[in-house]
Amino acid sequence: MPVDIIWHGHSTFEMRTDNYTVLIDPFFTGNPLASIAANLVLADYILVTHGHGDHIGDAVEIAARTGATIIANFEICNWIAAKSKVKVHPQHIGGGFNHPFGYVKMTIAHHGSALPDGSYGGNPGGYLITVGKIKIYFAGDTGLFLSMQLYGDEGIDAAFLPIGDNFTMGPDDALRAVHLLRPRVVVPIHFGTWPVINQSVDEWKKRVESETGSACNILKPGQKITI
């Protein structure tokens, strides 16, 4: 079955399968690139990579309105459960679970994860999601790490990688990540939201397609890619 993935700017995604809508890092309120308001978004599940405000974003509010289950690390799920009655499903790095929409494995991410109120947010992560025979990798906010090669060994159809630099991988390290992951297609994210992470994404696409075996798909906020 095909999977539609809509980019809403920054690292915010809406993944649609035949029967489920899954949000990843739902940062709508305060996101200058957001293509839709948080109160218009629907979700069955919400994946949060780490606790920073530009990633946990509107997760609790959307889950309270829609009844969605939030999937995140144990510490973030405990923090959410202590302040609201929304449904949560805790996971941790290296662990996977068969959710109704697909198999979700939480992956390494080298970054911070403090929550908006300063609480400890546990380890940051990414997600390797399998829907049917389709495998999708959302790296989260991360620097380059060699274990990406092991994720690539699983056969990735689409990888969503930060390229903004300063807070995450920049273009050079993100290109090295493509070499390690070997995805069929890569989509750059976490760039251009604010001046400090502006990048020449067209130039990065040229480098990816000339130096690796992967295609590069540049999305504008509100656009989708079908995997």
Protein backbone atom coordinates (compact mmCIF):
# COMPACT_ATOMS: atom_id res chain seq x y z
CA MET A 1 0.00 0.00 0.00
CA PRO A 2 1.35 3.49 -0.76
CA VAL A 3 2.07 5.94 2.04
CA ASP A 4 1.50 9.69 1.62
CA ILE A 5 3.74 11.97 3.68
CA ILE A 6 3.01 15.71 3.89
CA TRP A 7 5.65 18.15 5.12
CA HIS A 8 4.29 21.01 7.23
CA GLY A 9 7.63 22.80 7.56
CA HIS A 10 10.58 22.35 9.94
CA SER A 11 10.42 18.69 11.09
CA THR A 12 6.62 18.35 11.13
CA PHE A 13 5.05 15.60 9.06
CA GLU A 14 1.66 14.06 8.47
CA MET A 15 1.85 10.43 7.33
CA ARG A 16 -1.27 8.90 5.84
CA THR A 17 -1.79 5.19 5.33
CA ASP A 18 -5.00 3.53 4.15
CA ASN A 19 -6.62 3.73 7.58
CA TYR A 20 -4.51 5.95 9.82
CA THR A 21 -3.12 9.46 10.08
CA VAL A 22 0.16 9.75 11.96
CA LEU A 23 1.80 13.05 12.90
CA ILE A 24 5.53 13.34 13.51
CA ASP A 25 6.85 16.23 15.65
CA PRO A 26 3.67 18.34 15.35
CA PHE A 27 5.08 21.87 15.65
CA PHE A 28 2.35 24.08 14.17
CA THR A 29 1.82 26.93 16.63
CA GLY A 30 4.79 29.28 16.34
CA ASN A 31 6.17 27.51 13.27
CA PRO A 32 6.70 30.22 10.62
CA LEU A 33 6.62 27.59 7.86
CA ALA A 34 3.50 25.73 9.02
CA SER A 35 1.06 25.15 6.18
CA ILE A 36 -1.96 24.52 8.43
CA ALA A 37 -3.13 25.48 11.92
CA ALA A 38 -2.94 22.97 14.76
CA ASN A 39 -6.70 23.05 15.37
CA LEU A 40 -7.34 21.81 11.81
CA VAL A 41 -5.07 18.76 12.04
CA LEU A 42 -6.42 15.24 12.55
CA ALA A 43 -4.42 12.32 13.96
CA ASP A 44 -4.72 8.76 15.18
CA TYR A 45 -1.12 8.61 16.42
CA ILE A 46 1.53 11.23 17.16
CA LEU A 47 5.26 10.44 17.20
CA VAL A 48 7.57 12.77 19.14
CA THR A 49 11.33 12.46 18.57
CA HIS A 50 12.40 14.58 21.57
CA GLY A 51 11.23 17.14 24.07
CA HIS A 52 12.24 20.45 22.51
CA GLY A 53 9.37 22.84 21.91
CA ASP A 54 9.82 22.87 18.13
CA HIS A 55 9.22 19.11 18.08
CA ILE A 56 6.80 18.22 20.87
CA GLY A 57 4.95 21.34 19.73
CA ASP A 58 1.17 20.90 19.80
CA ALA A 59 1.24 17.16 20.50
CA VAL A 60 -0.72 17.24 23.76
CA GLU A 61 -3.36 19.65 22.49
CA ILE A 62 -3.91 17.69 19.27
CA ALA A 63 -4.08 14.38 21.15
CA ALA A 64 -6.62 15.81 23.62
CA ARG A 65 -8.82 17.00 20.77
CA THR A 66 -8.55 13.97 18.49
CA GLY A 67 -8.02 11.09 20.90
CA ALA A 68 -4.67 10.28 19.28
CA THR A 69 -2.07 8.18 21.08
CA ILE A 70 1.31 9.86 21.60
CA ILE A 71 4.37 7.67 21.01
CA ALA A 72 7.60 8.93 22.56
CA ASN A 73 10.34 7.89 24.94
CA PHE A 74 9.45 6.84 28.49
CA GLU A 75 10.37 10.17 30.10
CA ILE A 76 8.33 12.26 27.67
CA CYS A 77 5.33 9.95 28.03
CA ASN A 78 5.53 10.23 31.83
CA TRP A 79 5.73 14.03 31.60
CA ILE A 80 2.67 14.11 29.32
CA ALA A 81 0.70 11.67 31.48
CA ALA A 82 1.36 13.78 34.58
CA LYS A 83 -0.18 16.88 33.01
CA SER A 84 -2.98 15.47 30.84
CA LYS A 85 -5.24 12.48 30.28
CA VAL A 86 -4.19 11.78 26.69
CA LYS A 87 -3.16 8.27 25.67
CA VAL A 88 0.56 7.55 25.52
CA HIS A 89 2.71 4.64 24.40
CA PRO A 90 6.31 4.78 25.68
CA GLN A 91 9.19 3.25 23.72
CA HIS A 92 12.94 3.58 23.91
CA ILE A 93 15.94 3.48 21.61
CA GLY A 94 16.39 0.13 19.92
CA GLY A 95 12.90 -1.01 20.88
CA GLY A 96 10.15 -1.59 18.37
CA PHE A 97 6.40 -2.19 18.57
CA ASN A 98 3.70 -3.26 16.13
CA HIS A 99 1.21 -0.41 16.19
CA PRO A 100 -1.96 -0.72 14.07
CA PHE A 101 -0.46 1.49 11.35
CA GLY A 102 2.93 -0.26 11.23
CA TYR A 103 6.05 -1.35 13.08
CA VAL A 104 7.87 1.52 14.80
CA LYS A 105 11.46 1.20 15.99
CA MET A 106 12.99 4.07 17.93
CA THR A 107 16.48 4.90 16.74
CA ILE A 108 19.52 6.78 17.98
CA ALA A 109 19.73 10.57 17.69
CA HIS A 110 22.63 12.64 19.02
CA HIS A 111 21.03 15.76 20.41
CA GLY A 112 19.39 17.20 23.54
CA SER A 113 15.86 16.53 24.77
CA ALA A 114 14.91 18.90 27.60
CA LEU A 115 11.17 19.53 27.79
CA PRO A 116 9.66 23.02 27.41
CA ASP A 117 9.47 23.56 31.19
CA GLY A 118 13.07 22.43 31.69
CA SER A 119 12.18 18.91 32.81
CA TYR A 120 14.42 16.00 31.85
CA GLY A 121 13.25 14.66 28.50
CA GLY A 122 15.23 11.43 28.32
CA ASN A 123 17.22 10.47 25.25
CA PRO A 124 16.30 12.00 21.89
CA GLY A 125 15.54 9.61 19.07
CA GLY A 126 14.38 9.05 15.53
CA TYR A 127 11.97 6.52 14.07
CA LEU A 128 12.32 3.72 11.56
CA ILE A 129 8.77 2.91 10.48
CA THR A 130 7.69 -0.11 8.45
CA VAL A 131 4.28 0.04 6.77
CA GLY A 132 3.69 -3.15 4.82
CA LYS A 133 6.86 -3.50 2.76
CA ILE A 134 7.70 0.23 2.92
CA LYS A 135 10.45 1.39 5.28
CA ILE A 136 10.68 5.08 6.23
CA TYR A 137 13.32 6.75 8.40
CA PHE A 138 12.68 9.99 10.29
CA ALA A 139 16.08 10.89 11.74
CA GLY A 140 14.92 13.52 14.23
CA ASP A 141 17.34 16.21 15.30
CA THR A 142 20.71 14.52 15.15
CA GLY A 143 24.34 14.78 14.30
CA LEU A 144 26.01 12.23 12.06
CA PHE A 145 26.66 8.79 13.55
CA LEU A 146 28.16 5.66 12.03
CA SER A 147 25.31 3.36 13.08
CA MET A 148 23.23 4.93 10.32
CA GLN A 149 24.93 2.34 8.15
CA LEU A 150 23.13 -0.40 10.10
CA TYR A 151 19.78 1.29 9.51
CA GLY A 152 20.66 1.47 5.82
CA ASP A 153 21.24 -2.29 5.81
CA GLU A 154 17.51 -2.72 6.49
CA GLY A 155 16.66 -1.21 3.09
CA ILE A 156 15.20 2.28 3.46
CA ASP A 157 12.73 3.57 0.89
CA ALA A 158 12.65 7.17 2.15
CA ALA A 159 14.82 9.06 4.65
CA PHE A 160 13.97 12.45 6.12
CA LEU A 161 17.19 14.12 7.25
CA PRO A 162 17.98 17.47 8.89
CA ILE A 163 20.40 19.64 6.94
CA GLY A 164 20.14 23.01 8.71
CA ASP A 165 23.44 22.88 10.63
CA ASN A 166 23.98 24.75 13.92
CA PHE A 167 21.49 22.55 15.86
CA THR A 168 21.73 19.37 13.73
CA MET A 169 23.72 17.91 10.86
CA GLY A 170 24.64 20.42 8.22
CA PRO A 171 24.73 19.77 4.47
CA ASP A 172 28.14 18.04 4.49
CA ASP A 173 27.34 15.60 7.29
CA ALA A 174 23.83 15.04 5.95
CA LEU A 175 25.39 14.03 2.64
CA ARG A 176 27.60 11.55 4.49
CA ALA A 177 24.45 10.25 6.18
CA VAL A 178 22.91 9.57 2.76
CA HIS A 179 25.98 7.49 1.87
CA LEU A 180 25.49 5.45 5.05
CA LEU A 181 21.71 5.07 4.83
CA ARG A 182 21.45 4.46 1.08
CA PRO A 183 17.76 5.37 0.84
CA ARG A 184 15.86 5.19 -2.42
CA VAL A 185 14.84 8.83 -1.88
CA VAL A 186 15.92 11.43 0.68
CA VAL A 187 13.98 14.52 1.78
CA PRO A 188 15.81 17.41 3.49
CA ILE A 189 14.18 18.87 6.62
CA HIS A 190 14.93 21.18 9.56
CA PHE A 191 16.21 24.02 7.40
CA GLY A 192 15.01 27.52 6.57
CA THR A 193 12.68 27.89 9.56
CA TRP A 194 14.87 30.65 10.97
CA PRO A 195 17.92 32.44 9.51
CA VAL A 196 20.36 30.45 11.67
CA ILE A 197 19.43 27.26 9.79
CA ASN A 198 19.07 28.65 6.27
CA GLN A 199 20.69 26.43 3.64
CA SER A 200 20.92 26.18 -0.15
CA VAL A 201 18.69 23.15 -0.48
CA ASP A 202 18.87 23.13 -4.28
CA GLU A 203 22.65 22.85 -4.08
CA TRP A 204 22.33 20.00 -1.60
CA LYS A 205 19.99 18.15 -3.93
CA LYS A 206 22.57 18.44 -6.73
CA ARG A 207 25.26 17.00 -4.49
CA VAL A 208 23.05 14.11 -3.35
CA GLU A 209 22.09 13.12 -6.87
CA SER A 210 25.60 13.47 -8.28
CA GLU A 211 27.48 11.80 -5.43
CA THR A 212 25.09 9.09 -4.18
CA GLY A 213 22.65 6.60 -5.63
CA SER A 214 19.67 8.30 -3.96
CA ALA A 215 17.10 10.65 -5.46
CA CYS A 216 16.43 13.89 -3.56
CA ASN A 217 12.91 15.29 -3.26
CA ILE A 218 12.60 18.89 -2.01
CA LEU A 219 9.18 19.61 -0.52
CA LYS A 220 7.54 22.92 0.13
CA PRO A 221 5.29 23.21 3.20
CA GLY A 222 1.99 21.51 2.44
CA GLN A 223 3.42 19.33 -0.31
CA LYS A 224 3.45 15.55 -0.13
CA ILE A 225 5.58 12.69 -1.29
CA THR A 226 4.07 9.26 -1.98
CA ILE A 227 6.21 6.29 -1.05
